[in-house]
Amino acid sequence: LNWLLLPRIEASFAAAAYSASWPLAIGFAAALTAIAFLGGVFLSVLKRRKNLKDAGNILPGHGGFLDRFDAYFFTVPYVVFCLWAFTQVANLMLLVNYVNQ
C-alpha cells in the first residue's frame, strides 16, 4: 500500500518546495528550538519536584537516559505535525493547479 502513496507524497513535497520561504523556515527552526528547550525544562521540573538527581541508572552522571532524549519527546510530535501540514498544503496546491488548468 505504501508504494501507492509514495509518488503522491513526493509530488506534494516537490510542489510545496517551490512555495517554501525563508521566513517560514526560520520560524519553523525557532519554534523547534523553543519546543526542545521546553522539553528539557519540563523533565527538569518533574525531577526537581521528586527530588531526583538522575532520571535513571543507565547513564549515571548524565542525568539518566531520559535526560539525553527529553527534548525529542516534545519535538518529534511537532515535526510530524509540520510534515503532515506541509503535505496537506502541497496536496491542496496540486488540486488548485489541476482545477485551474
N, C-alpha and C. Protein backbone atom coordinates (compact mmCIF):
# COMPACT_ATOMS: atom_id res chain seq x y z
N LEU A 1 0.82 -1.20 0.00
CA LEU A 1 0.00 0.00 0.00
C LEU A 1 0.86 1.26 0.00
N ASN A 2 2.00 1.23 0.71
CA ASN A 2 2.85 2.42 0.79
C ASN A 2 3.41 2.81 -0.57
N TRP A 3 3.66 1.84 -1.45
CA TRP A 3 4.21 2.18 -2.76
C TRP A 3 3.20 2.94 -3.61
N LEU A 4 1.92 2.84 -3.27
CA LEU A 4 0.91 3.60 -4.00
C LEU A 4 0.91 5.07 -3.56
N LEU A 5 1.22 5.31 -2.30
CA LEU A 5 1.18 6.67 -1.76
C LEU A 5 2.47 7.44 -1.99
N LEU A 6 3.60 6.72 -2.16
CA LEU A 6 4.89 7.38 -2.26
C LEU A 6 4.98 8.39 -3.40
N PRO A 7 4.56 8.07 -4.63
CA PRO A 7 4.64 9.10 -5.70
C PRO A 7 3.82 10.35 -5.39
N ARG A 8 2.66 10.18 -4.76
CA ARG A 8 1.83 11.33 -4.41
C ARG A 8 2.52 12.21 -3.37
N ILE A 9 3.15 11.58 -2.38
CA ILE A 9 3.85 12.35 -1.35
C ILE A 9 5.05 13.06 -1.95
N GLU A 10 5.81 12.38 -2.80
CA GLU A 10 6.97 13.02 -3.45
C GLU A 10 6.53 14.20 -4.30
N ALA A 11 5.43 14.06 -5.02
CA ALA A 11 4.92 15.17 -5.82
C ALA A 11 4.48 16.32 -4.93
N SER A 12 3.91 15.99 -3.77
CA SER A 12 3.48 17.02 -2.84
C SER A 12 4.66 17.83 -2.34
N PHE A 13 5.73 17.13 -1.95
CA PHE A 13 6.91 17.82 -1.45
C PHE A 13 7.56 18.67 -2.55
N ALA A 14 7.59 18.14 -3.76
CA ALA A 14 8.20 18.89 -4.86
C ALA A 14 7.42 20.16 -5.15
N ALA A 15 6.10 20.08 -5.15
CA ALA A 15 5.28 21.26 -5.43
C ALA A 15 5.38 22.28 -4.31
N ALA A 16 5.38 21.81 -3.08
CA ALA A 16 5.41 22.74 -1.95
C ALA A 16 6.80 23.32 -1.73
N ALA A 17 7.82 22.64 -2.21
CA ALA A 17 9.19 23.13 -2.01
C ALA A 17 9.38 24.46 -2.72
N TYR A 18 8.71 24.66 -3.84
CA TYR A 18 8.85 25.91 -4.58
C TYR A 18 8.19 27.08 -3.85
N SER A 19 7.19 26.78 -3.03
CA SER A 19 6.50 27.86 -2.34
C SER A 19 7.05 28.12 -0.94
N ALA A 20 7.97 27.28 -0.47
CA ALA A 20 8.55 27.49 0.86
C ALA A 20 9.39 28.75 0.85
N SER A 21 9.37 29.46 1.94
CA SER A 21 10.11 30.71 2.02
C SER A 21 11.05 30.69 3.22
N TRP A 22 12.03 31.59 3.19
CA TRP A 22 12.98 31.70 4.29
C TRP A 22 12.30 32.07 5.60
N PRO A 23 11.36 33.01 5.62
CA PRO A 23 10.70 33.30 6.90
C PRO A 23 10.00 32.08 7.50
N LEU A 24 9.41 31.25 6.65
CA LEU A 24 8.75 30.04 7.13
C LEU A 24 9.77 29.07 7.73
N ALA A 25 10.90 28.90 7.06
CA ALA A 25 11.94 28.00 7.55
C ALA A 25 12.55 28.53 8.85
N ILE A 26 12.76 29.82 8.94
CA ILE A 26 13.32 30.40 10.16
C ILE A 26 12.31 30.28 11.31
N GLY A 27 11.04 30.49 11.02
CA GLY A 27 10.01 30.33 12.04
C GLY A 27 9.91 28.89 12.54
N PHE A 28 10.00 27.93 11.61
CA PHE A 28 9.99 26.52 11.98
C PHE A 28 11.17 26.20 12.89
N ALA A 29 12.36 26.66 12.52
CA ALA A 29 13.57 26.38 13.31
C ALA A 29 13.49 27.05 14.69
N ALA A 30 12.99 28.27 14.74
CA ALA A 30 12.87 28.97 16.02
C ALA A 30 11.88 28.25 16.93
N ALA A 31 10.74 27.84 16.37
CA ALA A 31 9.75 27.12 17.17
C ALA A 31 10.30 25.78 17.62
N LEU A 32 11.04 25.09 16.76
CA LEU A 32 11.63 23.80 17.11
C LEU A 32 12.63 23.96 18.26
N THR A 33 13.42 25.02 18.22
CA THR A 33 14.38 25.30 19.28
C THR A 33 13.66 25.57 20.60
N ALA A 34 12.62 26.38 20.56
CA ALA A 34 11.87 26.69 21.78
C ALA A 34 11.19 25.45 22.35
N ILE A 35 10.65 24.61 21.48
CA ILE A 35 9.97 23.40 21.95
C ILE A 35 10.98 22.43 22.55
N ALA A 36 12.16 22.31 21.95
CA ALA A 36 13.21 21.44 22.50
C ALA A 36 13.63 21.94 23.89
N PHE A 37 13.77 23.24 24.04
CA PHE A 37 14.11 23.82 25.34
C PHE A 37 13.04 23.51 26.37
N LEU A 38 11.78 23.68 25.98
CA LEU A 38 10.67 23.40 26.90
C LEU A 38 10.62 21.93 27.29
N GLY A 39 10.99 21.03 26.37
CA GLY A 39 11.05 19.61 26.70
C GLY A 39 12.07 19.34 27.78
N GLY A 40 13.24 19.97 27.68
CA GLY A 40 14.26 19.81 28.71
C GLY A 40 13.85 20.39 30.04
N VAL A 41 13.24 21.55 30.00
CA VAL A 41 12.78 22.20 31.24
C VAL A 41 11.68 21.39 31.90
N PHE A 42 10.79 20.83 31.10
CA PHE A 42 9.68 20.05 31.64
C PHE A 42 10.19 18.86 32.46
N LEU A 43 11.14 18.10 31.91
CA LEU A 43 11.66 16.96 32.64
C LEU A 43 12.44 17.41 33.88
N SER A 44 13.16 18.50 33.76
CA SER A 44 13.90 19.02 34.91
C SER A 44 12.95 19.41 36.04
N VAL A 45 11.83 20.02 35.71
CA VAL A 45 10.85 20.40 36.72
C VAL A 45 10.27 19.15 37.39
N LEU A 46 9.97 18.14 36.59
CA LEU A 46 9.45 16.90 37.17
C LEU A 46 10.46 16.28 38.12
N LYS A 47 11.74 16.25 37.72
CA LYS A 47 12.78 15.67 38.57
C LYS A 47 12.96 16.48 39.85
N ARG A 48 12.92 17.78 39.77
CA ARG A 48 13.10 18.62 40.96
C ARG A 48 11.95 18.43 41.94
N ARG A 49 10.74 18.27 41.42
CA ARG A 49 9.60 18.06 42.32
C ARG A 49 9.70 16.74 43.07
N LYS A 50 10.35 15.74 42.45
CA LYS A 50 10.52 14.44 43.08
C LYS A 50 11.86 14.31 43.79
N ASN A 51 12.66 15.40 43.80
CA ASN A 51 13.99 15.41 44.43
C ASN A 51 14.90 14.31 43.87
N LEU A 52 14.90 14.16 42.56
CA LEU A 52 15.76 13.19 41.89
C LEU A 52 16.91 13.91 41.21
N LYS A 53 18.10 13.31 41.28
CA LYS A 53 19.23 13.87 40.57
C LYS A 53 19.27 13.33 39.14
N ASP A 54 19.06 12.02 39.00
CA ASP A 54 19.07 11.38 37.70
C ASP A 54 17.71 10.75 37.43
N ALA A 55 17.34 10.71 36.14
CA ALA A 55 16.06 10.12 35.77
C ALA A 55 16.20 8.62 35.50
N GLY A 56 17.32 8.04 35.89
CA GLY A 56 17.54 6.61 35.69
C GLY A 56 18.97 6.24 36.01
N ASN A 57 19.28 4.96 35.95
CA ASN A 57 20.61 4.47 36.28
C ASN A 57 21.41 4.03 35.06
N ILE A 58 20.84 4.11 33.87
CA ILE A 58 21.52 3.64 32.67
C ILE A 58 22.73 4.50 32.34
N LEU A 59 22.59 5.81 32.42
CA LEU A 59 23.70 6.73 32.16
C LEU A 59 23.97 7.55 33.41
N PRO A 60 24.65 7.00 34.40
CA PRO A 60 24.88 7.76 35.62
C PRO A 60 25.76 8.98 35.38
N GLY A 61 25.42 10.07 36.05
CA GLY A 61 26.18 11.30 35.91
C GLY A 61 25.75 12.16 34.75
N HIS A 62 24.94 11.63 33.88
CA HIS A 62 24.44 12.40 32.74
C HIS A 62 22.97 12.75 32.90
N GLY A 63 22.42 12.54 34.05
CA GLY A 63 21.02 12.84 34.27
C GLY A 63 20.11 11.68 33.96
N GLY A 64 20.68 10.57 33.57
CA GLY A 64 19.87 9.41 33.23
C GLY A 64 19.54 9.37 31.75
N PHE A 65 18.94 8.28 31.35
CA PHE A 65 18.61 8.06 29.94
C PHE A 65 17.62 9.10 29.42
N LEU A 66 16.62 9.45 30.22
CA LEU A 66 15.60 10.39 29.77
C LEU A 66 16.16 11.79 29.51
N ASP A 67 17.18 12.17 30.26
CA ASP A 67 17.76 13.50 30.04
C ASP A 67 18.46 13.62 28.69
N ARG A 68 18.88 12.51 28.13
CA ARG A 68 19.52 12.55 26.81
C ARG A 68 18.48 12.74 25.71
N PHE A 69 17.23 12.37 25.97
CA PHE A 69 16.20 12.39 24.93
C PHE A 69 14.96 13.20 25.30
N ASP A 70 15.04 13.99 26.35
CA ASP A 70 13.85 14.71 26.80
C ASP A 70 13.32 15.70 25.77
N ALA A 71 14.18 16.32 25.02
CA ALA A 71 13.73 17.28 24.01
C ALA A 71 12.97 16.59 22.88
N TYR A 72 13.35 15.35 22.58
CA TYR A 72 12.69 14.63 21.49
C TYR A 72 11.23 14.32 21.80
N PHE A 73 10.89 14.17 23.08
CA PHE A 73 9.51 13.88 23.43
C PHE A 73 8.58 15.02 23.02
N PHE A 74 9.10 16.22 22.96
CA PHE A 74 8.30 17.37 22.57
C PHE A 74 8.48 17.72 21.09
N THR A 75 9.69 17.54 20.56
CA THR A 75 9.96 17.99 19.19
C THR A 75 9.46 17.02 18.13
N VAL A 76 9.50 15.73 18.40
CA VAL A 76 9.06 14.76 17.39
C VAL A 76 7.59 14.96 17.02
N PRO A 77 6.67 15.10 17.97
CA PRO A 77 5.28 15.37 17.55
C PRO A 77 5.13 16.66 16.75
N TYR A 78 5.91 17.69 17.11
CA TYR A 78 5.86 18.96 16.37
C TYR A 78 6.33 18.77 14.93
N VAL A 79 7.43 18.05 14.74
CA VAL A 79 7.95 17.81 13.38
C VAL A 79 6.97 16.97 12.58
N VAL A 80 6.40 15.95 13.18
CA VAL A 80 5.43 15.10 12.48
C VAL A 80 4.21 15.93 12.07
N PHE A 81 3.74 16.78 12.97
CA PHE A 81 2.60 17.64 12.62
C PHE A 81 2.96 18.59 11.48
N CYS A 82 4.14 19.19 11.53
CA CYS A 82 4.55 20.12 10.47
C CYS A 82 4.68 19.41 9.13
N LEU A 83 5.23 18.20 9.13
CA LEU A 83 5.31 17.44 7.88
C LEU A 83 3.93 17.09 7.36
N TRP A 84 3.02 16.72 8.25
CA TRP A 84 1.66 16.43 7.83
C TRP A 84 1.00 17.69 7.24
N ALA A 85 1.14 18.81 7.93
CA ALA A 85 0.55 20.05 7.43
C ALA A 85 1.17 20.47 6.11
N PHE A 86 2.47 20.27 5.98
CA PHE A 86 3.17 20.60 4.74
C PHE A 86 2.62 19.79 3.57
N THR A 87 2.39 18.49 3.78
CA THR A 87 1.85 17.67 2.70
C THR A 87 0.41 18.04 2.39
N GLN A 88 -0.36 18.44 3.42
CA GLN A 88 -1.74 18.84 3.17
C GLN A 88 -1.79 20.11 2.32
N VAL A 89 -0.93 21.06 2.62
CA VAL A 89 -0.87 22.29 1.83
C VAL A 89 -0.41 21.98 0.42
N ALA A 90 0.58 21.09 0.30
CA ALA A 90 1.09 20.73 -1.03
C ALA A 90 0.01 20.05 -1.85
N ASN A 91 -0.76 19.14 -1.23
CA ASN A 91 -1.84 18.48 -1.94
C ASN A 91 -2.92 19.47 -2.36
N LEU A 92 -3.22 20.43 -1.51
CA LEU A 92 -4.19 21.47 -1.85
C LEU A 92 -3.69 22.31 -3.02
N MET A 93 -2.38 22.63 -3.01
CA MET A 93 -1.81 23.39 -4.13
C MET A 93 -1.89 22.60 -5.43
N LEU A 94 -1.62 21.30 -5.37
CA LEU A 94 -1.72 20.47 -6.57
C LEU A 94 -3.16 20.42 -7.07
N LEU A 95 -4.12 20.33 -6.16
CA LEU A 95 -5.52 20.30 -6.55
C LEU A 95 -5.94 21.61 -7.18
N VAL A 96 -5.53 22.72 -6.60
CA VAL A 96 -5.88 24.03 -7.16
C VAL A 96 -5.24 24.20 -8.53
N ASN A 97 -4.00 23.79 -8.68
CA ASN A 97 -3.35 23.88 -10.00
C ASN A 97 -4.03 23.01 -11.02
N TYR A 98 -4.49 21.83 -10.61
CA TYR A 98 -5.18 20.92 -11.52
C TYR A 98 -6.53 21.50 -11.95
N VAL A 99 -7.26 22.09 -11.00
CA VAL A 99 -8.57 22.66 -11.31
C VAL A 99 -8.42 23.89 -12.21
N ASN A 100 -7.38 24.68 -12.02
CA ASN A 100 -7.19 25.90 -12.80
C ASN A 100 -6.68 25.64 -14.22
N GLN A 101 -6.27 24.41 -14.49
CA GLN A 101 -5.75 24.14 -15.85
C GLN A 101 -6.86 23.89 -16.83
